[in-house]
Amino acid sequence: MAVPKRKTSKARRDKRRSQNMKMTAPGLSICPQCHEPKLPHRVCPNCNYYNGKEVVSSEA
């Protein structure tokens, strides 16, 4: 039966495991109102529109 000759260090173990947990860039979509990139299914931070309607008033 195969047995490890030495104990695997925490650093080596974690380096090996980190390959499965790589971060991916978020998929961006283009806002149809102002044509700026935004996260899908969220209100556009530039023009405050969602689904063709102004959701948050831009008055401060």
N, C-alpha and C. Protein backbone atom coordinates (compact mmCIF):
# COMPACT_ATOMS: atom_id res chain seq x y z
N MET A 1 0.84 -1.18 0.00
CA MET A 1 0.00 0.00 0.00
C MET A 1 0.88 1.25 0.00
N ALA A 2 0.56 2.22 -0.83
CA ALA A 2 1.36 3.43 -0.93
C ALA A 2 1.09 4.33 0.26
N VAL A 3 2.18 4.81 0.86
CA VAL A 3 2.09 5.68 2.02
C VAL A 3 2.97 6.90 1.76
N PRO A 4 2.53 8.11 2.13
CA PRO A 4 3.39 9.27 1.93
C PRO A 4 4.66 9.17 2.75
N LYS A 5 5.78 9.56 2.14
CA LYS A 5 7.06 9.47 2.84
C LYS A 5 7.19 10.59 3.87
N ARG A 6 6.61 11.76 3.55
CA ARG A 6 6.67 12.90 4.47
C ARG A 6 5.27 13.51 4.60
N LYS A 7 5.08 14.20 5.71
CA LYS A 7 3.80 14.88 5.93
C LYS A 7 3.69 16.05 4.94
N THR A 8 2.53 16.19 4.32
CA THR A 8 2.29 17.30 3.41
C THR A 8 2.07 18.56 4.24
N SER A 9 2.87 19.60 3.95
CA SER A 9 2.76 20.84 4.73
C SER A 9 1.45 21.55 4.41
N LYS A 10 1.05 22.44 5.30
CA LYS A 10 -0.19 23.19 5.10
C LYS A 10 -0.09 24.10 3.88
N ALA A 11 1.09 24.67 3.65
CA ALA A 11 1.27 25.55 2.49
C ALA A 11 1.12 24.77 1.19
N ARG A 12 1.72 23.59 1.12
CA ARG A 12 1.63 22.79 -0.10
C ARG A 12 0.20 22.30 -0.32
N ARG A 13 -0.43 21.89 0.77
CA ARG A 13 -1.82 21.43 0.68
C ARG A 13 -2.74 22.56 0.20
N ASP A 14 -2.57 23.76 0.78
CA ASP A 14 -3.43 24.88 0.43
C ASP A 14 -3.17 25.37 -0.99
N LYS A 15 -1.91 25.32 -1.45
CA LYS A 15 -1.61 25.70 -2.84
C LYS A 15 -2.32 24.77 -3.81
N ARG A 16 -2.34 23.50 -3.49
CA ARG A 16 -3.00 22.53 -4.35
C ARG A 16 -4.51 22.76 -4.37
N ARG A 17 -5.09 23.03 -3.22
CA ARG A 17 -6.54 23.23 -3.14
C ARG A 17 -6.98 24.55 -3.75
N SER A 18 -6.11 25.54 -3.79
CA SER A 18 -6.50 26.86 -4.28
C SER A 18 -6.81 26.85 -5.77
N GLN A 19 -6.33 25.88 -6.52
CA GLN A 19 -6.59 25.82 -7.95
C GLN A 19 -8.07 25.60 -8.23
N ASN A 20 -8.79 24.99 -7.31
CA ASN A 20 -10.21 24.74 -7.51
C ASN A 20 -11.07 25.94 -7.13
N MET A 21 -10.50 26.92 -6.45
CA MET A 21 -11.28 28.04 -5.94
C MET A 21 -10.91 29.36 -6.60
N LYS A 22 -10.48 29.32 -7.85
CA LYS A 22 -10.10 30.55 -8.53
C LYS A 22 -11.31 31.45 -8.71
N MET A 23 -11.09 32.75 -8.53
CA MET A 23 -12.15 33.73 -8.70
C MET A 23 -12.32 34.03 -10.19
N THR A 24 -13.56 34.25 -10.60
CA THR A 24 -13.83 34.63 -11.97
C THR A 24 -14.38 36.06 -12.00
N ALA A 25 -14.12 36.75 -13.06
CA ALA A 25 -14.60 38.12 -13.20
C ALA A 25 -16.11 38.11 -13.37
N PRO A 26 -16.81 39.09 -12.81
CA PRO A 26 -18.27 39.11 -12.95
C PRO A 26 -18.67 39.40 -14.38
N GLY A 27 -19.74 38.77 -14.83
CA GLY A 27 -20.25 39.01 -16.17
C GLY A 27 -21.00 40.33 -16.20
N LEU A 28 -20.54 41.26 -17.02
CA LEU A 28 -21.17 42.58 -17.09
C LEU A 28 -22.08 42.64 -18.30
N SER A 29 -23.15 43.42 -18.17
CA SER A 29 -24.03 43.68 -19.30
C SER A 29 -24.04 45.19 -19.54
N ILE A 30 -24.57 45.60 -20.67
CA ILE A 30 -24.61 47.01 -21.04
C ILE A 30 -26.00 47.57 -20.71
N CYS A 31 -26.02 48.71 -20.07
CA CYS A 31 -27.29 49.38 -19.75
C CYS A 31 -27.89 49.93 -21.04
N PRO A 32 -29.16 49.62 -21.33
CA PRO A 32 -29.77 50.13 -22.56
C PRO A 32 -30.04 51.63 -22.54
N GLN A 33 -30.07 52.25 -21.36
CA GLN A 33 -30.34 53.69 -21.26
C GLN A 33 -29.07 54.52 -21.49
N CYS A 34 -28.02 54.23 -20.70
CA CYS A 34 -26.81 55.07 -20.75
C CYS A 34 -25.62 54.37 -21.40
N HIS A 35 -25.78 53.10 -21.76
CA HIS A 35 -24.75 52.30 -22.44
C HIS A 35 -23.47 52.16 -21.62
N GLU A 36 -23.61 52.14 -20.31
CA GLU A 36 -22.48 51.90 -19.42
C GLU A 36 -22.54 50.45 -18.94
N PRO A 37 -21.40 49.83 -18.61
CA PRO A 37 -21.44 48.46 -18.08
C PRO A 37 -22.06 48.42 -16.69
N LYS A 38 -22.87 47.39 -16.44
CA LYS A 38 -23.50 47.22 -15.13
C LYS A 38 -23.65 45.73 -14.86
N LEU A 39 -23.88 45.38 -13.61
CA LEU A 39 -24.12 43.99 -13.26
C LEU A 39 -25.53 43.60 -13.70
N PRO A 40 -25.71 42.39 -14.23
CA PRO A 40 -27.04 42.00 -14.68
C PRO A 40 -28.02 41.86 -13.52
N HIS A 41 -29.30 42.13 -13.79
CA HIS A 41 -30.39 42.02 -12.82
C HIS A 41 -30.23 42.98 -11.65
N ARG A 42 -29.58 44.11 -11.90
CA ARG A 42 -29.42 45.13 -10.87
C ARG A 42 -29.66 46.51 -11.46
N VAL A 43 -29.96 47.48 -10.61
CA VAL A 43 -30.18 48.85 -11.05
C VAL A 43 -28.86 49.42 -11.53
N CYS A 44 -28.90 50.15 -12.63
CA CYS A 44 -27.70 50.77 -13.17
C CYS A 44 -27.22 51.86 -12.20
N PRO A 45 -25.96 51.82 -11.77
CA PRO A 45 -25.49 52.84 -10.81
C PRO A 45 -25.34 54.22 -11.43
N ASN A 46 -25.29 54.31 -12.77
CA ASN A 46 -25.09 55.61 -13.42
C ASN A 46 -26.40 56.35 -13.65
N CYS A 47 -27.42 55.64 -14.18
CA CYS A 47 -28.66 56.34 -14.55
C CYS A 47 -29.85 55.92 -13.68
N ASN A 48 -29.67 54.96 -12.77
CA ASN A 48 -30.72 54.50 -11.84
C ASN A 48 -31.93 53.92 -12.56
N TYR A 49 -31.72 53.29 -13.71
CA TYR A 49 -32.81 52.64 -14.44
C TYR A 49 -32.70 51.13 -14.29
N TYR A 50 -33.85 50.47 -14.25
CA TYR A 50 -33.91 49.01 -14.27
C TYR A 50 -35.13 48.62 -15.07
N ASN A 51 -34.94 47.79 -16.08
CA ASN A 51 -36.03 47.29 -16.93
C ASN A 51 -36.78 48.44 -17.61
N GLY A 52 -36.05 49.48 -18.00
CA GLY A 52 -36.64 50.59 -18.73
C GLY A 52 -37.36 51.61 -17.87
N LYS A 53 -37.30 51.47 -16.54
CA LYS A 53 -37.98 52.41 -15.64
C LYS A 53 -36.98 52.97 -14.64
N GLU A 54 -37.18 54.25 -14.27
CA GLU A 54 -36.32 54.84 -13.25
C GLU A 54 -36.79 54.32 -11.89
N VAL A 55 -35.89 53.67 -11.19
CA VAL A 55 -36.26 53.03 -9.92
C VAL A 55 -35.92 53.94 -8.76
N VAL A 56 -34.73 54.49 -8.75
CA VAL A 56 -34.29 55.37 -7.67
C VAL A 56 -34.16 56.76 -8.26
N SER A 57 -34.81 57.73 -7.64
CA SER A 57 -34.70 59.09 -8.17
C SER A 57 -33.30 59.61 -7.92
N SER A 58 -32.75 60.33 -8.89
CA SER A 58 -31.38 60.82 -8.79
C SER A 58 -31.30 62.15 -8.06
N GLU A 59 -32.41 62.64 -7.50
CA GLU A 59 -32.39 63.88 -6.74
C GLU A 59 -31.81 63.62 -5.36
N ALA A 60 -30.96 64.53 -4.90
CA ALA A 60 -30.33 64.33 -3.59
C ALA A 60 -30.81 65.36 -2.59
